[in-house]
């Protein structure tokens, strides 16, 4: 009897010790280093952004210190945000990836067994060469809605936009190969094609050219306009107030094997959402915060655009 009691007491102590140790472990969150005003990590400047503030609040609610693993997501044909996020999680660089767009494509079971890591803070030459065995991604509940919006140049600032068709006759500009490009090029079976000038992503200053009056309007991620406006408070380009009806929610993503953590995070998110805390964090970060909406996970974006 004494032996059984002693064994039970030992097991209890070990469980308490393990729980205490887990509470001391940092909540490791991966964030994109250049996605303002969601997240920003630049040399010589303090870390900033909505996702930084939200992760800090969640870590505090869970009673754990926060550790952010910064990474760089490059926009090129060979990159895959889904595989990069999966590799970061599968390599143990973090337990959550924040600011993740919740779409069926970004959450589907990988068709490959391994993936390369994106460039991340602290990466070595060997890290850049390794391929990581990857798992299955599972999303948290969403905490923000990210739509596309029409932004107007100085000469079109008073133009009322209630639909993409209202852009007819304006001098439009868009970056080639982007979602905005697909929307404008396919609208009304090519109705706007003659009005569109294409720019090369990464080589041209889309909003700068709009600012200088070279064009009248463009269609882009609302987050990107928020970032531009925050860095140039005296900007002459303006928000139209129109949001394209197909947009994606953002949330956290973790590996399927970490569902317990996601459940805990979801409870915190629900509480923060009900108290208006998430909206306040967005406003403080200079973000146009919009509440998540249905569908929680966006389906085939390209098919939806073509069918409109």
Protein backbone atom coordinates (compact mmCIF):
# COMPACT_ATOMS: atom_id res chain seq x y z
CA UNK A 1 0.00 0.00 0.00
CA UNK A 2 2.79 2.38 0.98
CA UNK A 3 4.59 1.55 -2.26
CA UNK A 4 1.50 2.41 -4.30
CA UNK A 5 1.00 5.69 -2.43
CA UNK A 6 4.64 6.56 -2.88
CA UNK A 7 4.42 5.81 -6.60
CA UNK A 8 1.28 7.93 -6.94
CA UNK A 9 2.89 10.82 -5.08
CA UNK A 10 5.97 10.61 -7.29
CA UNK A 11 3.83 10.65 -10.44
CA UNK A 12 1.91 13.69 -9.18
CA UNK A 13 5.12 15.57 -8.41
CA UNK A 14 6.49 14.75 -11.84
CA UNK A 15 3.30 15.99 -13.49
CA UNK A 16 3.37 19.23 -11.50
CA UNK A 17 7.03 19.69 -12.35
CA UNK A 18 6.38 19.08 -16.05
CA UNK A 19 3.50 21.57 -16.06
CA UNK A 20 5.62 24.18 -14.32
CA UNK A 21 8.42 23.60 -16.81
CA UNK A 22 5.98 23.99 -19.73
CA UNK A 23 4.76 27.29 -18.27
CA UNK A 24 8.36 28.54 -18.21
CA UNK A 25 8.90 27.68 -21.86
CA UNK A 26 8.47 30.60 -24.26
CA UNK A 27 5.52 30.77 -26.59
CA UNK A 28 7.41 30.76 -29.89
CA UNK A 29 5.65 32.62 -32.67
CA UNK A 30 6.97 33.06 -36.21
CA UNK A 31 6.22 36.43 -37.82
CA UNK A 32 7.10 37.95 -41.18
CA UNK A 33 9.74 40.64 -40.65
CA UNK A 34 8.36 42.95 -43.35
CA UNK A 35 4.57 42.94 -43.25
CA UNK A 36 3.64 46.31 -41.69
CA UNK A 37 1.44 47.22 -39.95
CA UNK A 38 0.91 43.54 -39.06
CA UNK A 39 4.55 42.88 -38.17
CA UNK A 40 7.88 44.64 -38.71
CA UNK A 41 11.42 43.87 -37.58
CA UNK A 42 14.06 46.25 -38.88
CA UNK A 43 17.60 46.83 -37.68
CA UNK A 44 17.86 49.80 -35.32
CA UNK A 45 14.12 50.02 -34.75
CA UNK A 46 11.90 48.38 -32.11
CA UNK A 47 9.73 45.48 -33.22
CA UNK A 48 6.30 46.73 -34.14
CA UNK A 49 2.91 45.74 -35.49
CA UNK A 50 -0.49 44.35 -34.68
CA UNK A 51 0.67 40.72 -34.67
CA UNK A 52 3.52 41.55 -32.29
CA UNK A 53 1.12 43.16 -29.81
CA UNK A 54 -1.44 40.37 -30.14
CA UNK A 55 1.16 37.63 -29.61
CA UNK A 56 2.39 39.42 -26.49
CA UNK A 57 -1.12 39.56 -25.02
CA UNK A 58 -1.76 35.89 -25.80
CA UNK A 59 1.55 34.84 -24.22
CA UNK A 60 0.69 36.82 -21.08
CA UNK A 61 -2.76 35.20 -20.89
CA UNK A 62 -1.12 31.77 -21.18
CA UNK A 63 1.41 32.68 -18.50
CA UNK A 64 4.37 32.20 -20.81
CA UNK A 65 7.13 34.48 -22.05
CA UNK A 66 6.99 35.36 -25.74
CA UNK A 67 9.76 34.59 -28.22
CA UNK A 68 9.36 35.80 -31.79
CA UNK A 69 11.17 34.03 -34.60
CA UNK A 70 11.43 36.51 -37.44
CA UNK A 71 11.53 35.24 -41.00
CA UNK A 72 11.61 36.68 -44.49
CA UNK A 73 9.09 35.61 -47.09
CA UNK A 74 10.28 36.34 -50.62
CA UNK A 75 7.83 36.99 -53.41
CA UNK A 76 9.01 34.85 -56.29
CA UNK A 77 7.75 31.96 -58.39
CA UNK A 78 9.66 29.37 -56.38
CA UNK A 79 8.41 30.42 -52.94
CA UNK A 80 5.41 28.90 -51.18
CA UNK A 81 4.20 30.64 -47.99
CA UNK A 82 2.40 27.46 -46.93
CA UNK A 83 5.48 25.24 -47.27
CA UNK A 84 7.71 27.85 -45.63
CA UNK A 85 5.38 28.12 -42.64
CA UNK A 86 5.18 24.34 -42.43
CA UNK A 87 8.97 24.04 -42.50
CA UNK A 88 9.39 26.61 -39.72
CA UNK A 89 6.89 24.77 -37.52
CA UNK A 90 8.21 21.31 -38.36
CA UNK A 91 11.77 22.38 -37.59
CA UNK A 92 10.70 23.63 -34.15
CA UNK A 93 11.49 27.26 -34.92
CA UNK A 94 8.09 28.16 -33.53
CA UNK A 95 4.79 26.65 -32.43
CA UNK A 96 2.59 29.20 -34.19
CA UNK A 97 2.87 31.23 -37.37
CA UNK A 98 0.95 34.49 -37.11
CA UNK A 99 -0.77 36.62 -39.73
CA UNK A 100 -1.50 33.53 -41.80
CA UNK A 101 -4.07 33.84 -44.61
CA UNK A 102 -6.70 31.15 -44.11
CA UNK A 103 -7.43 29.65 -47.53
CA UNK A 104 -8.00 26.11 -48.72
CA UNK A 105 -4.79 26.29 -50.75
CA UNK A 106 -2.72 27.44 -47.77
CA UNK A 107 -4.13 24.70 -45.52
CA UNK A 108 -4.23 21.70 -47.84
CA UNK A 109 -2.17 18.61 -47.02
CA UNK A 110 1.28 19.08 -48.60
CA UNK A 111 1.92 17.20 -51.80
CA UNK A 112 5.62 16.88 -50.96
CA UNK A 113 7.30 15.22 -47.94
CA UNK A 114 9.88 17.97 -47.30
CA UNK A 115 10.30 21.73 -47.71
CA UNK A 116 13.04 24.32 -47.46
CA UNK A 117 13.13 26.86 -44.66
CA UNK A 118 12.69 30.54 -45.54
CA UNK A 119 15.47 32.87 -44.49
CA UNK A 120 15.05 33.48 -40.76
CA UNK A 121 16.86 35.41 -38.07
CA UNK A 122 19.78 33.33 -36.85
CA UNK A 123 19.84 31.04 -39.89
CA UNK A 124 23.14 29.46 -40.80
CA UNK A 125 24.43 28.40 -44.22
CA UNK A 126 23.44 24.81 -43.41
CA UNK A 127 19.91 25.94 -42.50
CA UNK A 128 19.54 27.45 -45.97
CA UNK A 129 20.43 24.13 -47.56
CA UNK A 130 18.37 21.78 -45.42
CA UNK A 131 15.03 20.27 -46.39
CA UNK A 132 12.65 19.67 -43.48
CA UNK A 133 10.21 16.73 -43.20
CA UNK A 134 6.88 18.53 -42.90
CA UNK A 135 3.51 17.84 -41.30
CA UNK A 136 -0.11 18.98 -41.65
CA UNK A 137 -1.21 22.53 -40.84
CA UNK A 138 -4.20 23.35 -38.65
CA UNK A 139 -5.57 26.90 -38.27
CA UNK A 140 -6.70 28.79 -35.21
CA UNK A 141 -9.88 30.78 -35.31
CA UNK A 142 -9.39 33.98 -37.34
CA UNK A 143 -8.69 37.33 -35.71
CA UNK A 144 -8.80 39.78 -38.63
CA UNK A 145 -10.29 40.06 -42.12
CA UNK A 146 -7.99 41.20 -44.96
CA UNK A 147 -9.78 42.43 -48.10
CA UNK A 148 -8.62 44.07 -51.30
CA UNK A 149 -9.47 47.75 -51.62
CA UNK A 150 -9.49 50.40 -54.32
CA UNK A 151 -7.08 53.27 -53.67
CA UNK A 152 -7.51 56.53 -55.56
CA UNK A 153 -4.95 59.00 -56.85
CA UNK A 154 -5.22 62.79 -56.36
CA UNK A 155 -7.10 63.42 -59.63
CA UNK A 156 -9.75 60.80 -58.81
CA UNK A 157 -10.09 61.39 -55.07
CA UNK A 158 -13.78 62.37 -55.36
CA UNK A 159 -14.74 59.39 -57.53
CA UNK A 160 -17.38 57.22 -55.87
CA UNK A 161 -16.50 53.52 -56.06
CA UNK A 162 -19.18 50.96 -55.19
CA UNK A 163 -18.08 48.23 -57.61
CA UNK A 164 -15.12 47.38 -59.84
CA UNK A 165 -17.17 48.59 -62.81
CA UNK A 166 -16.95 52.15 -61.45
CA UNK A 167 -13.25 52.13 -62.39
CA UNK A 168 -14.12 52.25 -66.08
CA UNK A 169 -12.51 55.25 -67.79
CA UNK A 170 -9.91 55.80 -65.06
CA UNK A 171 -6.18 55.34 -65.62
CA UNK A 172 -5.58 52.08 -63.76
CA UNK A 173 -2.31 50.53 -62.67
CA UNK A 174 -1.62 47.11 -61.18
CA UNK A 175 1.31 44.81 -60.49
CA UNK A 176 1.57 41.94 -62.95
CA UNK A 177 0.67 38.46 -61.75
CA UNK A 178 -1.07 39.60 -58.58
CA UNK A 179 -4.56 38.85 -57.34
CA UNK A 180 -5.52 42.44 -58.14
CA UNK A 181 -4.28 41.92 -61.69
CA UNK A 182 -6.54 38.89 -62.14
CA UNK A 183 -9.54 40.77 -60.78
CA UNK A 184 -9.12 43.80 -63.02
CA UNK A 185 -8.16 41.90 -66.16
CA UNK A 186 -11.09 39.48 -66.00
CA UNK A 187 -13.77 41.95 -64.91
CA UNK A 188 -16.65 42.11 -67.37
CA UNK A 189 -14.85 39.79 -69.79
CA UNK A 190 -12.00 42.26 -70.22
CA UNK A 191 -13.96 45.50 -69.97
CA UNK A 192 -11.09 47.32 -68.20
CA UNK A 193 -8.12 45.93 -70.15
CA UNK A 194 -7.55 49.06 -72.25
CA UNK A 195 -7.40 51.20 -69.08
CA UNK A 196 -4.74 49.10 -67.30
CA UNK A 197 -1.00 49.71 -67.13
CA UNK A 198 1.02 46.85 -65.66
CA UNK A 199 3.99 47.35 -63.36
CA UNK A 200 6.63 44.79 -62.38
CA UNK A 201 6.34 43.74 -58.70
CA UNK A 202 9.41 44.72 -56.69
CA UNK A 203 10.79 46.95 -59.45
CA UNK A 204 8.15 49.65 -59.60
CA UNK A 205 6.67 51.93 -56.95
CA UNK A 206 2.96 51.26 -57.38
CA UNK A 207 1.64 53.65 -54.74
CA UNK A 208 4.37 56.19 -55.42
CA UNK A 209 3.29 56.50 -59.06
CA UNK A 210 -0.31 56.81 -57.93
CA UNK A 211 0.79 59.53 -55.50
CA UNK A 212 2.50 61.50 -58.27
CA UNK A 213 -0.64 61.48 -60.40
CA UNK A 214 0.64 59.08 -63.06
CA UNK A 215 -2.48 56.95 -62.56
CA UNK A 216 -5.94 57.34 -61.05
CA UNK A 217 -6.57 54.09 -59.18
CA UNK A 218 -5.30 50.67 -58.19
CA UNK A 219 -6.55 47.60 -56.36
CA UNK A 220 -4.44 46.14 -53.56
CA UNK A 221 -4.39 44.58 -50.09
CA UNK A 222 -5.84 46.99 -47.50
CA UNK A 223 -2.89 46.20 -45.21
CA UNK A 224 -0.48 47.55 -47.78
CA UNK A 225 -2.34 50.84 -48.06
CA UNK A 226 -2.40 51.13 -44.25
CA UNK A 227 1.39 50.72 -44.20
CA UNK A 228 1.88 53.35 -46.90
CA UNK A 229 -0.41 55.82 -45.16
CA UNK A 230 1.33 55.31 -41.82
CA UNK A 231 4.74 56.07 -43.33
CA UNK A 232 3.42 59.10 -45.26
CA UNK A 233 0.79 60.92 -43.16
CA UNK A 234 0.62 63.73 -45.75
CA UNK A 235 -0.14 61.38 -48.66
CA UNK A 236 -2.51 62.60 -51.35
CA UNK A 237 -3.81 59.14 -52.27
CA UNK A 238 -7.02 58.15 -50.55
CA UNK A 239 -9.05 55.10 -49.63
CA UNK A 240 -12.19 54.68 -51.69
CA UNK A 241 -13.97 52.83 -48.90
CA UNK A 242 -14.78 50.02 -51.31
CA UNK A 243 -13.72 46.48 -50.41
CA UNK A 244 -13.68 43.76 -53.04
CA UNK A 245 -16.16 41.08 -51.82
CA UNK A 246 -13.63 38.24 -51.91
CA UNK A 247 -11.14 38.47 -49.05
CA UNK A 248 -9.31 36.21 -46.61
CA UNK A 249 -9.31 35.97 -42.83
CA UNK A 250 -5.97 35.83 -41.04
CA UNK A 251 -5.15 33.79 -37.97
CA UNK A 252 -2.52 31.49 -36.53
CA UNK A 253 -1.47 28.15 -37.95
CA UNK A 254 0.20 25.27 -36.11
CA UNK A 255 1.00 21.65 -36.78
CA UNK A 256 -1.75 19.07 -36.39
CA UNK A 257 0.23 17.56 -33.51
CA UNK A 258 -0.10 20.82 -31.54
CA UNK A 259 -3.90 20.98 -31.28
CA UNK A 260 -3.81 21.43 -27.50
CA UNK A 261 -1.95 24.72 -27.93
CA UNK A 262 -4.41 25.87 -30.59
CA UNK A 263 -7.34 25.13 -28.29
CA UNK A 264 -5.75 27.27 -25.56
CA UNK A 265 -5.02 30.06 -28.04
CA UNK A 266 -8.57 29.94 -29.40
CA UNK A 267 -9.99 30.44 -25.91
CA UNK A 268 -7.83 33.52 -25.45
CA UNK A 269 -8.77 34.86 -28.90
CA UNK A 270 -12.49 34.41 -28.17
CA UNK A 271 -12.15 36.36 -24.93
CA UNK A 272 -10.10 39.13 -26.53
CA UNK A 273 -12.54 39.37 -29.42
CA UNK A 274 -15.60 39.65 -27.16
CA UNK A 275 -13.96 42.43 -25.13
CA UNK A 276 -12.93 44.43 -28.18
CA UNK A 277 -9.25 44.09 -27.30
CA UNK A 278 -8.21 42.79 -30.73
CA UNK A 279 -9.86 45.76 -32.47
CA UNK A 280 -8.07 48.13 -30.09
CA UNK A 281 -4.71 46.51 -30.82
CA UNK A 282 -5.36 46.91 -34.55
CA UNK A 283 -6.23 50.57 -34.21
CA UNK A 284 -3.14 51.24 -32.08
CA UNK A 285 -0.97 49.64 -34.79
CA UNK A 286 -2.42 51.88 -37.51
CA UNK A 287 -4.35 49.01 -39.04
CA UNK A 288 -7.83 49.21 -40.53
CA UNK A 289 -9.14 46.32 -38.46
CA UNK A 290 -12.13 44.43 -39.85
CA UNK A 291 -13.80 41.61 -37.95
CA UNK A 292 -13.41 38.07 -39.36
CA UNK A 293 -16.28 36.93 -41.55
CA UNK A 294 -17.65 33.91 -43.39
CA UNK A 295 -16.32 31.86 -44.98
CA UNK A 296 -13.74 31.31 -42.25
CA UNK A 297 -11.48 29.55 -44.75
CA UNK A 298 -11.59 31.04 -48.25
CA UNK A 299 -12.06 28.56 -51.07
CA UNK A 300 -10.56 28.66 -54.57
CA UNK A 301 -9.87 32.38 -55.04
CA UNK A 302 -9.21 32.22 -58.77
CA UNK A 303 -12.39 30.25 -59.45
CA UNK A 304 -14.44 32.72 -57.42
CA UNK A 305 -12.99 35.63 -59.39
CA UNK A 306 -13.62 33.99 -62.78
CA UNK A 307 -17.19 33.14 -61.80
CA UNK A 308 -18.10 36.70 -60.78
